[in-house]
C-alpha atoms as a PDB file:
ATOM      1  CA  MET A   1     -30.840  54.870  10.863  1.00  0.00           C
ATOM      2  CA  ARG A   2     -30.305  52.462  13.819  1.00  0.00           C
ATOM      3  CA  LEU A   3     -33.601  50.266  11.998  1.00  0.00           C
ATOM      4  CA  GLN A   4     -31.272  49.852   9.239  1.00  0.00           C
ATOM      5  CA  ARG A   5     -28.509  49.489  11.882  1.00  0.00           C
ATOM      6  CA  ASN A   6     -30.409  46.169  13.359  1.00  0.00           C
ATOM      7  CA  VAL A   7     -31.346  45.082   9.961  1.00  0.00           C
ATOM      8  CA  TRP A   8     -27.465  44.926   8.917  1.00  0.00           C
ATOM      9  CA  LEU A   9     -26.732  42.953  11.897  1.00  0.00           C
ATOM     10  CA  LEU A  10     -29.618  40.657  11.744  1.00  0.00           C
ATOM     11  CA  LEU A  11     -28.385  40.238   8.339  1.00  0.00           C
ATOM     12  CA  VAL A  12     -25.152  39.145   9.153  1.00  0.00           C
ATOM     13  CA  ALA A  13     -26.237  36.763  11.671  1.00  0.00           C
ATOM     14  CA  GLY A  14     -28.463  34.958   9.891  1.00  0.00           C
ATOM     15  CA  VAL A  15     -25.820  34.972   7.340  1.00  0.00           C
ATOM     16  CA  LEU A  16     -22.724  33.473  10.021  1.00  0.00           C
ATOM     17  CA  VAL A  17     -25.795  30.825  11.330  1.00  0.00           C
ATOM     18  CA  PHE A  18     -26.275  29.512   7.707  1.00  0.00           C
ATOM     19  CA  VAL A  19     -22.006  29.495   7.195  1.00  0.00           C
ATOM     20  CA  GLN A  20     -21.452  27.162  10.913  1.00  0.00           C
ATOM     21  CA  PRO A  21     -23.829  24.105   9.414  1.00  0.00           C
ATOM     22  CA  ALA A  22     -22.781  24.504   6.051  1.00  0.00           C
ATOM     23  CA  TYR A  23     -19.253  24.222   7.194  1.00  0.00           C
ATOM     24  CA  ALA A  24     -19.877  21.378   9.518  1.00  0.00           C
ATOM     25  CA  ASP A  25     -22.294  19.872   6.415  1.00  0.00           C
ATOM     26  CA  GLN A  26     -18.624  20.242   4.269  1.00  0.00           C
ATOM     27  CA  CYS A  27     -16.580  18.466   6.562  1.00  0.00           C
ATOM     28  CA  ASP A  28     -19.305  15.794   7.810  1.00  0.00           C
ATOM     29  CA  ASP A  29     -19.440  15.301   4.005  1.00  0.00           C
ATOM     30  CA  MET A  30     -15.862  14.666   3.873  1.00  0.00           C
ATOM     31  CA  ASN A  31     -15.190  13.324   6.427  1.00  0.00           C
ATOM     32  CA  ALA A  32     -17.762  10.899   4.714  1.00  0.00           C
ATOM     33  CA  LYS A  33     -15.558  10.309   1.783  1.00  0.00           C
ATOM     34  CA  ALA A  34     -12.658   9.176   3.274  1.00  0.00           C
ATOM     35  CA  LYS A  35     -14.513   6.932   5.012  1.00  0.00           C
ATOM     36  CA  ALA A  36     -15.845   5.608   2.049  1.00  0.00           C
ATOM     37  CA  ALA A  37     -12.254   5.814  -0.285  1.00  0.00           C
ATOM     38  CA  PHE A  38     -10.378   3.618   2.956  1.00  0.00           C
ATOM     39  CA  ALA A  39     -13.193   0.724   2.954  1.00  0.00           C
ATOM     40  CA  SER A  40     -12.797   1.119  -0.422  1.00  0.00           C
ATOM     41  CA  ALA A  41      -9.016   0.228  -0.504  1.00  0.00           C
ATOM     42  CA  ARG A  42      -9.896  -2.590   2.298  1.00  0.00           C
ATOM     43  CA  GLU A  43     -11.568  -4.665  -0.053  1.00  0.00           C
ATOM     44  CA  ALA A  44      -9.774  -3.897  -3.128  1.00  0.00           C
ATOM     45  CA  SER A  45      -6.520  -5.021  -0.757  1.00  0.00           C
ATOM     46  CA  ILE A  46      -8.629  -7.977  -0.144  1.00  0.00           C
ATOM     47  CA  GLN A  47      -9.059  -8.923  -3.277  1.00  0.00           C
ATOM     48  CA  LYS A  48      -5.125  -8.537  -3.631  1.00  0.00           C
ATOM     49  CA  ASN A  49      -5.607  -5.988  -6.072  1.00  0.00           C
ATOM     50  CA  TYR A  50      -2.741  -4.333  -4.527  1.00  0.00           C
ATOM     51  CA  ASP A  51      -1.941  -1.753  -6.563  1.00  0.00           C
ATOM     52  CA  ARG A  52      -5.647  -0.080  -6.391  1.00  0.00           C
ATOM     53  CA  ALA A  53      -5.802  -1.019  -3.039  1.00  0.00           C
ATOM     54  CA  ALA A  54      -2.741   1.967  -2.899  1.00  0.00           C
ATOM     55  CA  GLU A  55      -3.656   4.466  -4.285  1.00  0.00           C
ATOM     56  CA  LEU A  56      -7.358   4.532  -2.466  1.00  0.00           C
ATOM     57  CA  TYR A  57      -5.786   4.617   0.614  1.00  0.00           C
ATOM     58  CA  GLU A  58      -3.601   7.526  -0.784  1.00  0.00           C
ATOM     59  CA  GLU A  59      -7.438   9.351  -2.025  1.00  0.00           C
ATOM     60  CA  ALA A  60      -8.552   8.877   1.995  1.00  0.00           C
ATOM     61  CA  GLY A  61      -5.447  10.071   3.371  1.00  0.00           C
ATOM     62  CA  LYS A  62      -5.747  13.138   1.108  1.00  0.00           C
ATOM     63  CA  TYR A  63      -9.217  13.781   2.164  1.00  0.00           C
ATOM     64  CA  TYR A  64      -8.490  12.715   5.898  1.00  0.00           C
ATOM     65  CA  GLU A  65      -5.638  15.794   5.905  1.00  0.00           C
ATOM     66  CA  GLU A  66      -8.208  17.593   4.673  1.00  0.00           C
ATOM     67  CA  VAL A  67     -10.890  17.155   6.975  1.00  0.00           C
ATOM     68  CA  ALA A  68      -7.760  17.381   9.981  1.00  0.00           C
ATOM     69  CA  ASN A  69      -7.549  21.061   8.525  1.00  0.00           C
ATOM     70  CA  MET A  70     -11.268  22.470   8.541  1.00  0.00           C
ATOM     71  CA  LYS A  71     -12.265  24.319  11.596  1.00  0.00           C
ATOM     72  CA  ASN A  72     -15.448  24.373  13.238  1.00  0.00           C
ATOM     73  CA  CYS A  73     -16.546  21.355  12.436  1.00  0.00           C
ATOM     74  CA  ARG A  74     -19.645  20.024  14.607  1.00  0.00           C
ATOM     75  CA  CYS A  75     -17.860  17.807  17.015  1.00  0.00           C
ATOM     76  CA  PRO A  76     -14.248  18.799  17.691  1.00  0.00           C
ATOM     77  CA  LYS A  77     -13.253  15.051  17.635  1.00  0.00           C
ATOM     78  CA  VAL A  78     -13.404  14.688  14.311  1.00  0.00           C
ATOM     79  CA  PRO A  79      -9.984  16.408  13.043  1.00  0.00           C
ATOM     80  CA  LYS A  80      -7.471  14.965  15.534  1.00  0.00           C
ATOM     81  CA  ASN A  81      -9.173  12.015  14.551  1.00  0.00           C
ATOM     82  CA  ALA A  82      -8.724  12.432  10.876  1.00  0.00           C
ATOM     83  CA  GLN A  83      -5.193  13.873  11.791  1.00  0.00           C
ATOM     84  CA  GLU A  84      -5.102   9.769  12.923  1.00  0.00           C
ATOM     85  CA  ASN A  85      -6.580   8.185   9.936  1.00  0.00           C
ATOM     86  CA  VAL A  86      -3.782  10.178   8.029  1.00  0.00           C
ATOM     87  CA  ASN A  87      -1.508   8.672   9.336  1.00  0.00           C
ATOM     88  CA  LEU A  88      -3.423   5.194   9.064  1.00  0.00           C
ATOM     89  CA  SER A  89      -3.871   5.535   5.531  1.00  0.00           C
ATOM     90  CA  ARG A  90      -0.825   6.929   4.298  1.00  0.00           C
ATOM     91  CA  ASN A  91       1.253   3.503   6.521  1.00  0.00           C
ATOM     92  CA  ALA A  92      -1.660   1.638   5.313  1.00  0.00           C
ATOM     93  CA  ALA A  93      -0.893   3.020   1.068  1.00  0.00           C
ATOM     94  CA  ALA A  94       2.755   1.999   1.375  1.00  0.00           C
ATOM     95  CA  GLU A  95       2.113  -1.598   3.002  1.00  0.00           C
ATOM     96  CA  ALA A  96      -0.359  -2.361  -0.204  1.00  0.00           C
ATOM     97  CA  ARG A  97       2.482  -1.672  -3.025  1.00  0.00           C
ATOM     98  CA  LEU A  98       4.640  -3.367  -1.110  1.00  0.00           C
ATOM     99  CA  ALA A  99       2.611  -7.291  -0.620  1.00  0.00           C
ATOM    100  CA  ALA A 100       2.001  -5.317  -4.588  1.00  0.00           C
ATOM    101  CA  GLN A 101       6.202  -5.653  -5.108  1.00  0.00           C
ATOM    102  CA  TYR A 102       5.476  -9.369  -2.765  1.00  0.00           C
ATOM    103  CA  ARG A 103       3.118 -10.685  -5.649  1.00  0.00           C
ATOM    104  CA  VAL A 104       5.658  -9.872  -7.932  1.00  0.00           C
ATOM    105  CA  ALA A 105       8.703 -12.147  -6.014  1.00  0.00           C
ATOM    106  CA  ASN A 106       6.776 -14.382  -6.024  1.00  0.00           C
ATOM    107  CA  ALA A 107       6.024 -15.167  -9.563  1.00  0.00           C
ATOM    108  CA  LYS A 108      10.115 -14.175 -10.249  1.00  0.00           C
ATOM    109  CA  TYR A 109       9.828 -17.157  -8.292  1.00  0.00           C
ATOM    110  CA  ASP A 110       7.493 -19.046 -10.341  1.00  0.00           C
ATOM    111  CA  GLU A 111       8.980 -18.768 -12.701  1.00  0.00           C
ATOM    112  CA  GLY A 112      12.099 -20.237 -11.500  1.00  0.00           C
ATOM    113  CA  THR A 113      10.456 -23.224 -11.161  1.00  0.00           C
ATOM    114  CA  ALA A 114       9.128 -23.702 -14.223  1.00  0.00           C
ATOM    115  CA  TYR A 115      12.421 -23.459 -15.844  1.00  0.00           C
ATOM    116  CA  THR A 116      14.187 -25.612 -13.046  1.00  0.00           C
ATOM    117  CA  LYS A 117      11.800 -28.542 -14.537  1.00  0.00           C
ATOM    118  CA  LYS A 118      13.104 -27.482 -17.730  1.00  0.00           C
ATOM    119  CA  MET A 119      16.308 -28.675 -16.549  1.00  0.00           C
ATOM    120  CA  GLN A 120      17.268 -24.081 -17.581  1.00  0.00           C
ATOM    121  CA  TRP A 121      19.710 -23.844 -14.531  1.00  0.00           C
ATOM    122  CA  ASP A 122      20.957 -19.956 -15.403  1.00  0.00           C
ATOM    123  CA  GLU A 123      17.165 -18.737 -16.736  1.00  0.00           C
ATOM    124  CA  ALA A 124      16.114 -20.552 -12.564  1.00  0.00           C
ATOM    125  CA  ASN A 125      19.161 -19.050 -10.909  1.00  0.00           C
ATOM    126  CA  ALA A 126      18.686 -15.606 -12.274  1.00  0.00           C
ATOM    127  CA  ALA A 127      14.885 -15.839 -12.095  1.00  0.00           C
ATOM    128  CA  PHE A 128      15.970 -17.047  -8.353  1.00  0.00           C
ATOM    129  CA  LEU A 129      17.396 -14.730  -7.667  1.00  0.00           C
ATOM    130  CA  GLU A 130      15.574 -11.763  -8.667  1.00  0.00           C
ATOM    131  CA  ALA A 131      12.720 -13.058  -6.740  1.00  0.00           C
ATOM    132  CA  ALA A 132      15.202 -12.964  -4.068  1.00  0.00           C
ATOM    133  CA  GLN A 133      16.560  -9.177  -4.280  1.00  0.00           C
ATOM    134  CA  ILE A 134      12.683  -8.056  -4.898  1.00  0.00           C
ATOM    135  CA  TRP A 135      12.616 -10.008  -1.139  1.00  0.00           C
ATOM    136  CA  ASP A 136      15.101  -8.238   0.711  1.00  0.00           C
ATOM    137  CA  SER A 137      14.051  -4.618  -0.768  1.00  0.00           C
ATOM    138  CA  VAL A 138      10.229  -5.796   0.685  1.00  0.00           C
ATOM    139  CA  GLY A 139      11.965  -6.638   3.811  1.00  0.00           C
ATOM    140  CA  GLY A 140      14.340  -3.921   4.561  1.00  0.00           C
ATOM    141  CA  ALA A 141      11.222  -0.894   4.042  1.00  0.00           C
ATOM    142  CA  THR A 142       9.071  -2.774   6.682  1.00  0.00           C
ATOM    143  CA  GLN A 143       8.752  -4.579   9.876  1.00  0.00           C
ATOM    144  CA  SER A 144       5.866  -5.650   9.536  1.00  0.00           C
ATOM    145  CA  GLU A 145       4.435  -9.739   9.260  1.00  0.00           C
ATOM    146  CA  LEU A 146       4.463  -9.112   5.248  1.00  0.00           C
ATOM    147  CA  GLY A 147       8.441  -7.977   5.269  1.00  0.00           C
ATOM    148  CA  LYS A 148       9.598 -10.522   8.016  1.00  0.00           C
ATOM    149  CA  THR A 149       8.024 -13.448   5.745  1.00  0.00           C
ATOM    150  CA  ALA A 150       9.926 -11.903   2.608  1.00  0.00           C
ATOM    151  CA  LEU A 151      12.794 -11.814   3.730  1.00  0.00           C
ATOM    152  CA  GLU A 152      12.040 -15.493   5.043  1.00  0.00           C
ATOM    153  CA  SER A 153      11.579 -15.576   1.382  1.00  0.00           C
ATOM    154  CA  ALA A 154      14.447 -14.649   0.273  1.00  0.00           C
ATOM    155  CA  ASN A 155      17.041 -16.795   1.691  1.00  0.00           C
ATOM    156  CA  VAL A 156      14.669 -19.762   0.550  1.00  0.00           C
ATOM    157  CA  ALA A 157      15.259 -18.209  -2.852  1.00  0.00           C
ATOM    158  CA  ARG A 158      18.674 -17.909  -2.576  1.00  0.00           C
ATOM    159  CA  ASP A 159      18.584 -21.431  -1.570  1.00  0.00           C
ATOM    160  CA  ALA A 160      17.115 -22.423  -4.692  1.00  0.00           C
ATOM    161  CA  ALA A 161      20.367 -20.245  -6.898  1.00  0.00           C
ATOM    162  CA  HIS A 162      22.626 -22.244  -5.529  1.00  0.00           C
ATOM    163  CA  LYS A 163      21.159 -25.516  -5.806  1.00  0.00           C
ATOM    164  CA  ALA A 164      20.345 -24.579 -10.218  1.00  0.00           C
ATOM    165  CA  LEU A 165      24.082 -23.563 -10.582  1.00  0.00           C
ATOM    166  CA  SER A 166      24.460 -26.693  -8.615  1.00  0.00           C
ATOM    167  CA  HIS A 167      22.635 -29.245 -10.826  1.00  0.00           C
ATOM    168  CA  LYS A 168      24.354 -27.641 -13.808  1.00  0.00           C
ATOM    169  CA  ASN A 169      27.427 -28.046 -12.809  1.00  0.00           C
ATOM    170  CA  ASN A 170      26.442 -31.766 -12.045  1.00  0.00           C
ATOM    171  CA  ASN A 171      25.176 -31.945 -15.265  1.00  0.00           C
ATOM    172  CA  GLN A 172      28.553 -30.230 -16.739  1.00  0.00           C
ATOM    173  CA  ALA A 173      30.461 -33.181 -14.747  1.00  0.00           C
ATOM    174  CA  TRP A 174      28.016 -35.911 -16.182  1.00  0.00           C
ATOM    175  CA  GLU A 175      28.545 -34.948 -19.622  1.00  0.00           C
ATOM    176  CA  MET A 176      32.345 -34.501 -19.168  1.00  0.00           C
ATOM    177  CA  VAL A 177      32.299 -38.280 -18.125  1.00  0.00           C
ATOM    178  CA  LYS A 178      30.005 -39.293 -20.700  1.00  0.00           C
ATOM    179  CA  GLY A 179      31.556 -37.428 -22.964  1.00  0.00           C
ATOM    180  CA  LYS A 180      35.352 -39.456 -21.963  1.00  0.00           C
END
């Protein structure tokens, strides 16, 4: 009986010794996935693929969150660092989404410029105002350099819209004078 009990204790101890490294390996593997997703997101940002970057930052955040909730990692600092990286990943995802919106506003502003060259003042005005609205939204969502630049760009777009209307009014006045 005593021998059987000792065998059971050895068996249970052996399983516990095996489970701890397996769990620690799982922690390391999940942390490695998170780091890889974060690195891929950073690369997507460099390539100005902001929508993809945001997705990858969010994926990294989910992996980091799993690591932050794990116990018995080899290094006790890993879960704590993972929690910090959750916040970093979420903030980076939000910035990437704002950068994508900023690019949409750039395209609208360029559209307004193209209409200006064709002297299509109403269309130019509308495009400039749409760009300004998007930039205002980006600027209101973040205090980062991107947000500051967006607010400055919104002012430039509003000025361009005003000039487009001014040109339209000047052309209408000129047409009236010529018509007399």
